Protein backbone atom coordinates (compact mmCIF):
# COMPACT_ATOMS: atom_id res chain seq x y z
CA MET A 1 -34.72 11.26 -6.01
CA ASN A 2 -38.49 11.40 -5.83
CA THR A 3 -39.51 8.44 -7.99
CA THR A 4 -42.95 9.94 -8.58
CA THR A 5 -41.95 13.38 -9.84
CA GLY A 6 -38.35 12.68 -10.83
CA GLU A 7 -37.21 15.68 -8.79
CA VAL A 8 -33.91 15.72 -6.98
CA GLN A 9 -34.38 15.83 -3.20
CA ALA A 10 -31.76 16.22 -0.49
CA ILE A 11 -31.73 13.73 2.38
CA GLY A 12 -30.53 14.08 5.96
CA TRP A 13 -26.82 13.72 6.57
CA THR A 14 -27.16 10.86 9.09
CA ALA A 15 -29.24 8.78 6.70
CA TYR A 16 -26.91 9.56 3.83
CA LYS A 17 -23.78 8.54 5.76
CA LYS A 18 -25.37 5.23 6.72
CA GLU A 19 -26.28 4.48 3.10
CA PHE A 20 -22.88 5.55 1.76
CA LEU A 21 -20.87 3.61 4.37
CA SER A 22 -22.84 0.45 3.54
CA LEU A 23 -20.87 0.43 0.28
CA TYR A 24 -17.59 0.30 2.22
CA THR A 25 -18.00 -2.80 4.37
CA PRO A 26 -14.85 -4.94 4.67
CA ARG A 27 -16.28 -7.47 2.23
CA LEU A 28 -16.72 -4.75 -0.40
CA ARG A 29 -13.70 -2.51 0.15
CA ALA A 30 -10.41 -2.63 2.02
CA LYS A 31 -10.51 -1.70 5.72
CA SER A 32 -8.02 1.10 5.14
CA THR A 33 -10.28 2.58 2.45
CA ARG A 34 -13.26 2.56 4.80
CA LYS A 35 -11.20 4.24 7.53
CA GLY A 36 -10.27 7.01 5.11
CA ILE A 37 -13.92 7.55 4.19
CA GLU A 38 -14.98 7.59 7.85
CA TYR A 39 -12.27 10.16 8.60
CA THR A 40 -13.51 12.37 5.76
CA LEU A 41 -17.12 12.11 6.91
CA ARG A 42 -16.08 13.19 10.42
CA ILE A 43 -14.41 16.27 8.96
CA LEU A 44 -17.59 17.11 7.04
CA ASP A 45 -19.53 16.63 10.31
CA SER A 46 -17.27 19.21 11.97
CA LEU A 47 -18.03 21.67 9.16
CA GLY A 48 -21.73 21.55 10.02
CA VAL A 49 -23.13 19.46 7.15
CA GLN A 50 -26.80 18.70 7.90
CA SER A 51 -27.98 17.27 4.59
CA THR A 52 -26.75 16.53 1.09
CA ALA A 53 -27.93 20.02 0.10
CA ASP A 54 -24.88 21.33 2.00
CA LEU A 55 -22.44 19.64 -0.41
CA THR A 56 -21.55 22.84 -2.25
CA VAL A 57 -18.52 24.76 -3.49
CA PRO A 58 -18.45 26.97 -0.35
CA LEU A 59 -18.31 23.78 1.75
CA ILE A 60 -15.28 22.56 -0.19
CA ALA A 61 -13.66 25.96 0.31
CA ARG A 62 -14.23 25.68 4.08
CA LEU A 63 -12.82 22.18 3.99
CA VAL A 64 -9.62 23.36 2.32
CA GLU A 65 -9.26 26.34 4.67
CA SER A 66 -9.80 24.15 7.76
CA ARG A 67 -6.77 21.94 7.10
CA PRO A 68 -3.72 22.53 9.33
CA PRO A 69 -0.88 24.35 7.56
CA GLU A 70 1.52 21.49 8.26
CA HIS A 71 -0.55 19.10 6.13
CA SER A 72 1.13 18.47 2.78
CA PRO A 73 -0.63 19.18 -0.55
CA HIS A 74 -0.67 15.42 -1.16
CA THR A 75 -2.63 14.91 2.09
CA LEU A 76 -5.11 17.59 1.08
CA LYS A 77 -5.51 16.08 -2.38
CA GLY A 78 -6.24 12.68 -0.83
CA LEU A 79 -8.89 14.25 1.38
CA LEU A 80 -10.48 16.01 -1.59
CA LEU A 81 -10.55 12.78 -3.59
CA LYS A 82 -12.47 11.04 -0.80
CA THR A 83 -14.80 14.02 -0.53
CA GLN A 84 -15.36 13.85 -4.27
CA ALA A 85 -16.38 10.19 -3.95
CA ILE A 86 -18.90 11.15 -1.25
CA VAL A 87 -20.31 13.98 -3.38
CA ASN A 88 -20.40 11.94 -6.59
CA TYR A 89 -22.52 9.24 -5.01
CA ALA A 90 -24.99 11.82 -3.73
CA ASP A 91 -25.12 13.31 -7.23
CA LYS A 92 -25.71 9.99 -9.01
CA ALA A 93 -28.23 8.78 -6.42
CA GLY A 94 -30.32 11.93 -6.89
CA TYR A 95 -29.63 13.43 -3.46
CA LEU A 96 -27.79 16.54 -4.64
CA PRO A 97 -30.20 19.41 -5.41
CA GLY A 98 -27.50 21.74 -6.72
CA ARG A 99 -24.75 21.14 -9.24
CA ASN A 100 -21.87 18.84 -8.26
CA PRO A 101 -19.25 21.19 -6.74
CA PHE A 102 -16.40 19.22 -8.31
CA ARG A 103 -17.89 19.86 -11.76
CA ILE A 104 -17.91 23.57 -11.02
CA ARG A 105 -14.41 23.59 -9.61
CA PRO A 106 -12.25 20.46 -10.15
CA ILE A 107 -9.76 19.19 -7.58
CA GLN A 108 -6.73 20.49 -9.49
CA THR A 109 -7.97 24.04 -8.99
CA TRP A 110 -8.00 23.58 -5.22
CA VAL A 111 -4.57 22.01 -4.80
CA ARG A 112 -1.61 21.22 -7.04
CA PRO A 113 0.85 18.92 -5.28
CA SER A 114 4.45 19.18 -6.39
CA ARG A 115 6.43 16.14 -7.36
CA PRO A 116 7.54 14.16 -4.29
CA ARG A 117 10.94 15.13 -2.93
CA GLY A 118 13.32 13.60 -0.45
CA LYS A 119 14.37 10.01 0.07
CA LYS A 120 11.55 7.71 -0.95
CA HIS A 121 13.53 4.62 -1.91
CA LEU A 122 16.69 2.75 -0.96
CA THR A 123 19.81 2.33 -3.07
CA ARG A 124 20.84 -1.11 -4.27
CA ILE A 125 23.81 -0.98 -1.88
CA GLU A 126 21.49 -0.28 1.07
CA ILE A 127 19.10 -3.11 0.17
CA HIS A 128 22.01 -5.50 -0.32
CA ALA A 129 23.41 -4.54 3.11
CA ILE A 130 20.05 -5.19 4.80
CA LEU A 131 19.50 -8.55 3.10
CA ASP A 132 23.12 -9.61 3.71
CA LEU A 133 22.80 -8.86 7.43
CA MET A 134 19.51 -10.79 7.61
CA LYS A 135 21.11 -13.78 5.91
CA GLY A 136 23.94 -13.65 8.44
CA ASP A 137 21.43 -13.73 11.31
CA CYS A 138 19.80 -16.81 9.77
CA ASP A 139 23.16 -18.61 9.78
CA ARG A 140 24.23 -17.41 13.24
CA LEU A 141 21.13 -17.72 15.42
CA GLN A 142 19.50 -20.86 16.82
CA GLY A 143 16.02 -21.99 17.90
CA TRP A 144 13.09 -19.58 17.69
CA ALA A 145 15.46 -16.67 17.07
CA GLN A 146 16.69 -18.39 13.93
CA TRP A 147 13.14 -19.17 12.78
CA ARG A 148 12.11 -15.55 13.25
CA ALA A 149 15.24 -14.38 11.41
CA ARG A 150 14.42 -16.65 8.46
CA ARG A 151 10.83 -15.42 8.38
CA LEU A 152 11.93 -11.77 8.34
CA TYR A 153 14.57 -12.45 5.70
CA ALA A 154 12.08 -14.22 3.41
CA LEU A 155 9.45 -11.51 3.92
CA THR A 156 11.86 -8.65 3.26
CA ALA A 157 13.32 -10.34 0.18
CA THR A 158 9.83 -11.05 -1.17
CA ILE A 159 8.83 -7.38 -0.96
CA ALA A 160 12.20 -6.13 -2.20
CA TYR A 161 12.28 -8.42 -5.25
CA THR A 162 8.60 -8.34 -6.25
CA GLY A 163 7.43 -4.88 -5.13
CA LEU A 164 4.39 -6.32 -3.34
CA ARG A 165 2.53 -4.00 -1.02
CA LYS A 166 3.04 -4.72 2.68
CA MET A 167 -0.31 -6.41 3.36
CA GLU A 168 -0.22 -8.26 0.04
CA ALA A 169 3.00 -9.91 1.19
CA LEU A 170 2.00 -10.47 4.82
CA THR A 171 -1.26 -12.24 3.88
CA LEU A 172 0.23 -14.51 1.22
CA GLN A 173 -0.58 -18.18 1.50
CA VAL A 174 1.70 -21.07 0.56
CA ARG A 175 -0.54 -21.96 -2.35
CA ASP A 176 -0.01 -18.47 -3.80
CA ILE A 177 3.65 -19.27 -4.53
CA SER A 178 4.75 -21.33 -7.52
CA LEU A 179 8.49 -21.79 -7.71
CA GLU A 180 8.03 -23.94 -10.80
CA THR A 181 6.47 -21.14 -12.82
CA ARG A 182 8.27 -18.46 -10.77
CA ALA A 183 5.10 -16.54 -9.95
CA VAL A 184 3.25 -15.10 -6.95
CA ASP A 185 -0.53 -15.11 -7.28
CA VAL A 186 -1.80 -11.96 -5.57
CA CYS A 187 -5.51 -12.24 -4.78
CA ASP A 188 -8.26 -10.86 -2.58
CA ARG A 189 -9.00 -12.61 0.71
CA ALA A 190 -10.88 -11.94 3.92
CA GLU A 191 -7.75 -10.73 5.72
CA HIS A 192 -6.90 -8.16 3.06
CA ARG A 193 -8.54 -6.92 -0.12
CA CYS A 194 -6.30 -5.82 -2.97
CA LYS A 195 -6.05 -2.07 -3.42
CA THR A 196 -7.61 -2.17 -6.91
CA PRO A 197 -9.13 -4.90 -9.10
CA GLY A 198 -6.03 -4.72 -11.29
CA SER A 199 -3.82 -5.53 -8.30
CA ALA A 200 -5.12 -9.09 -8.14
CA GLN A 201 -2.84 -10.74 -10.68
CA PRO A 202 0.37 -12.82 -10.83
CA VAL A 203 3.72 -11.22 -10.06
CA ALA A 204 7.03 -12.58 -11.36
CA ILE A 205 9.61 -14.07 -8.99
CA PRO A 206 13.16 -12.99 -9.93
CA ALA A 207 15.84 -15.68 -9.97
CA ALA A 208 17.56 -14.14 -6.93
CA LEU A 209 14.41 -14.56 -4.80
CA ALA A 210 13.70 -18.21 -5.67
CA PRO A 211 16.43 -19.81 -3.45
CA ILE A 212 15.45 -17.59 -0.51
CA LEU A 213 11.87 -18.80 -0.75
CA GLU A 214 13.01 -22.41 -1.22
CA ASP A 215 14.99 -22.20 2.02
CA TRP A 216 12.02 -20.65 3.83
CA PHE A 217 9.71 -23.41 2.60
CA ALA A 218 12.18 -25.95 4.00
CA HIS A 219 12.17 -24.31 7.46
CA ARG A 220 8.74 -22.66 7.67
CA ALA A 221 7.34 -25.45 9.89
CA ASP A 222 10.43 -25.71 12.14
CA ALA A 223 9.90 -25.75 15.91
CA PRO A 224 12.00 -26.56 18.98
CA PRO A 225 11.75 -30.11 20.38
CA GLY A 226 8.49 -30.64 22.24
CA PHE A 227 6.68 -27.71 20.64
CA ARG A 228 3.86 -28.79 18.36
CA ARG A 229 2.84 -26.35 15.65
CA PRO A 230 -0.32 -26.97 13.61
CA ALA A 231 -0.11 -26.80 9.84
CA SER A 232 -0.66 -23.27 8.57
CA PRO A 233 -1.73 -22.02 5.14
CA TRP A 234 0.09 -18.72 5.66
CA LEU A 235 3.43 -18.11 4.00
CA PHE A 236 4.56 -15.93 6.92
CA PRO A 237 2.65 -17.25 9.96
CA THR A 238 2.87 -16.31 13.60
CA VAL A 239 4.80 -18.60 15.94
CA LYS A 240 1.61 -20.51 16.78
CA SER A 241 0.65 -20.65 13.07
CA ALA A 242 -2.88 -19.46 13.83
CA ARG A 243 -2.82 -16.40 11.57
CA PRO A 244 -0.59 -14.37 9.26
CA TRP A 245 2.14 -12.27 10.87
CA THR A 246 0.44 -8.90 10.44
CA GLY A 247 0.83 -7.55 13.97
CA GLY A 248 2.26 -8.31 17.37
CA ALA A 249 3.45 -6.63 20.54
CA PRO A 250 5.52 -3.44 20.24
CA GLY A 251 8.93 -4.37 18.93
CA CYS A 252 7.66 -7.65 17.48
CA LYS A 253 5.63 -6.32 14.57
CA PRO A 254 7.02 -6.88 11.06
CA LEU A 255 7.94 -3.22 10.55
CA ASP A 256 9.54 -2.98 14.01
CA ARG A 257 11.83 -5.92 13.29
CA PHE A 258 12.61 -4.62 9.80
CA LYS A 259 13.62 -1.22 11.18
CA VAL A 260 15.92 -2.76 13.81
CA ILE A 261 17.80 -4.85 11.24
CA ALA A 262 17.98 -1.97 8.76
CA ALA A 263 19.40 0.32 11.44
CA ARG A 264 22.04 -2.30 12.24
CA ALA A 265 22.91 -2.30 8.54
CA GLY A 266 23.34 1.47 8.64
CA VAL A 267 20.03 2.28 6.92
CA PRO A 268 17.75 4.19 9.34
CA HIS A 269 14.15 5.39 8.89
CA VAL A 270 12.98 2.63 6.54
CA THR A 271 9.45 1.53 5.64
CA TRP A 272 8.12 -1.42 3.69
CA HIS A 273 6.83 0.91 1.00
CA MET A 274 10.34 2.19 0.36
CA LEU A 275 11.18 -1.29 -0.94
CA ARG A 276 8.27 -1.10 -3.39
CA ARG A 277 9.47 2.27 -4.66
CA SER A 278 13.01 0.96 -4.82
CA ILE A 279 12.29 -1.86 -7.23
CA ALA A 280 10.71 0.58 -9.69
CA THR A 281 13.69 2.90 -9.42
CA HIS A 282 16.21 0.15 -10.03
CA LEU A 283 14.18 -1.66 -12.70
CA GLU A 284 14.29 1.56 -14.70
CA ALA A 285 18.09 1.62 -14.38
CA HIS A 286 18.11 -2.09 -15.29
CA GLY A 287 16.40 -1.27 -18.58
CA ALA A 288 12.70 -1.84 -17.90
CA GLY A 289 10.43 0.65 -19.64
CA PRO A 290 7.51 2.57 -18.12
CA ALA A 291 4.89 0.12 -19.38
CA MET A 292 6.68 -2.90 -17.90
CA ILE A 293 7.25 -1.16 -14.56
CA GLN A 294 3.56 -0.24 -14.44
CA ARG A 295 2.63 -3.89 -15.09
CA LEU A 296 5.04 -5.21 -12.47
CA LEU A 297 3.73 -2.82 -9.82
CA ARG A 298 0.13 -3.40 -11.00
CA HIS A 299 -0.77 0.28 -11.15
CA THR A 300 -4.07 1.23 -12.74
CA SER A 301 -2.67 4.59 -13.84
CA ALA A 302 0.66 5.18 -15.55
CA ALA A 303 0.71 8.60 -13.87
CA THR A 304 1.06 6.90 -10.46
CA THR A 305 4.11 5.01 -11.64
CA GLU A 306 5.67 8.10 -13.17
CA THR A 307 5.00 10.44 -10.23
CA TRP A 308 5.81 8.25 -7.27
CA TYR A 309 7.96 5.31 -8.34
CA ARG A 310 10.17 5.93 -11.36
CA LYS A 311 12.61 8.21 -9.55
CA ALA A 312 16.14 7.18 -10.57
CA ASP A 313 18.61 7.98 -7.82
CA LEU A 314 21.85 9.83 -8.50
CA GLY A 315 23.91 6.64 -8.55
CA ASN A 316 21.77 5.15 -11.30
CA MET A 317 21.88 8.37 -13.30
CA LEU A 318 25.66 8.59 -13.01
CA GLU A 319 25.95 5.01 -14.22
CA ALA A 320 23.67 5.80 -17.16
CA VAL A 321 25.77 8.77 -18.35
CA LYS A 322 29.27 7.63 -17.38
CA ASP A 323 30.29 6.86 -21.00
CA PHE A 324 28.59 9.89 -22.53
CA THR A 325 30.79 12.34 -24.43
CA TYR A 326 30.61 14.90 -27.24
């Protein structure tokens, strides 16, 4: 905005992108969030945007039409939400000469995603089978193989019983766990920022998880004779304890190992996020109401919990109505 006349003035697209991306440095926002914004800006580049004056309704129409037909409505909605953030900043900063296109035509008029379908969570029997197999590996294996089995078992149980997001769990530190008060303190740190401000809060530790974590604490610093491991603050460290176990060579990453064990248990095509969805599904069947499930998952919006997580499977619904009669 021209500070002398108070008139709205468009600025060049290159200058605008630099200013906007400065708000998404890793210290200010999660790396994954910045990657999503950068991806959206590249799409706008491909549509020929030259300045903020090009952020118009016709541009949004071209954006929607340019998306491959195999992209789901949920993917398109996510892209539009990021585009809206880009446009809104230009509007509030005084760089948008015309009217905000999302005020003229809101996102819900461009795309209306249906409720998610298909298998998004695991049954209690499936989760029990995976955890039981992991526990068996802990008892059967020796040396580093046993240590790795214990680490995977503790990690999987932590996500399954608390509903933590993958990176929230992988970047936990020992000091974040209190077995006395039965709580996990989820907080922002350099390795991973919480998804929302409301995500940084304590999470309850169920009674079934406590002994698994106690056993992991007892063996977390184990090492074969002659191998010296430095002390590590991370709850789930790498073998050398230098950093949290967030990556690794192909086949050695947390998700890779989880998938192998799950497949052995007869549960293929799993993801860490399926465990987060599962706890909401089964807490509902256990009697927890919508408000409590929202608090446990630390969702900002109740609509997120309702749409994506509270999806009782057929087994739970059959159990709920088994005694019903007229």
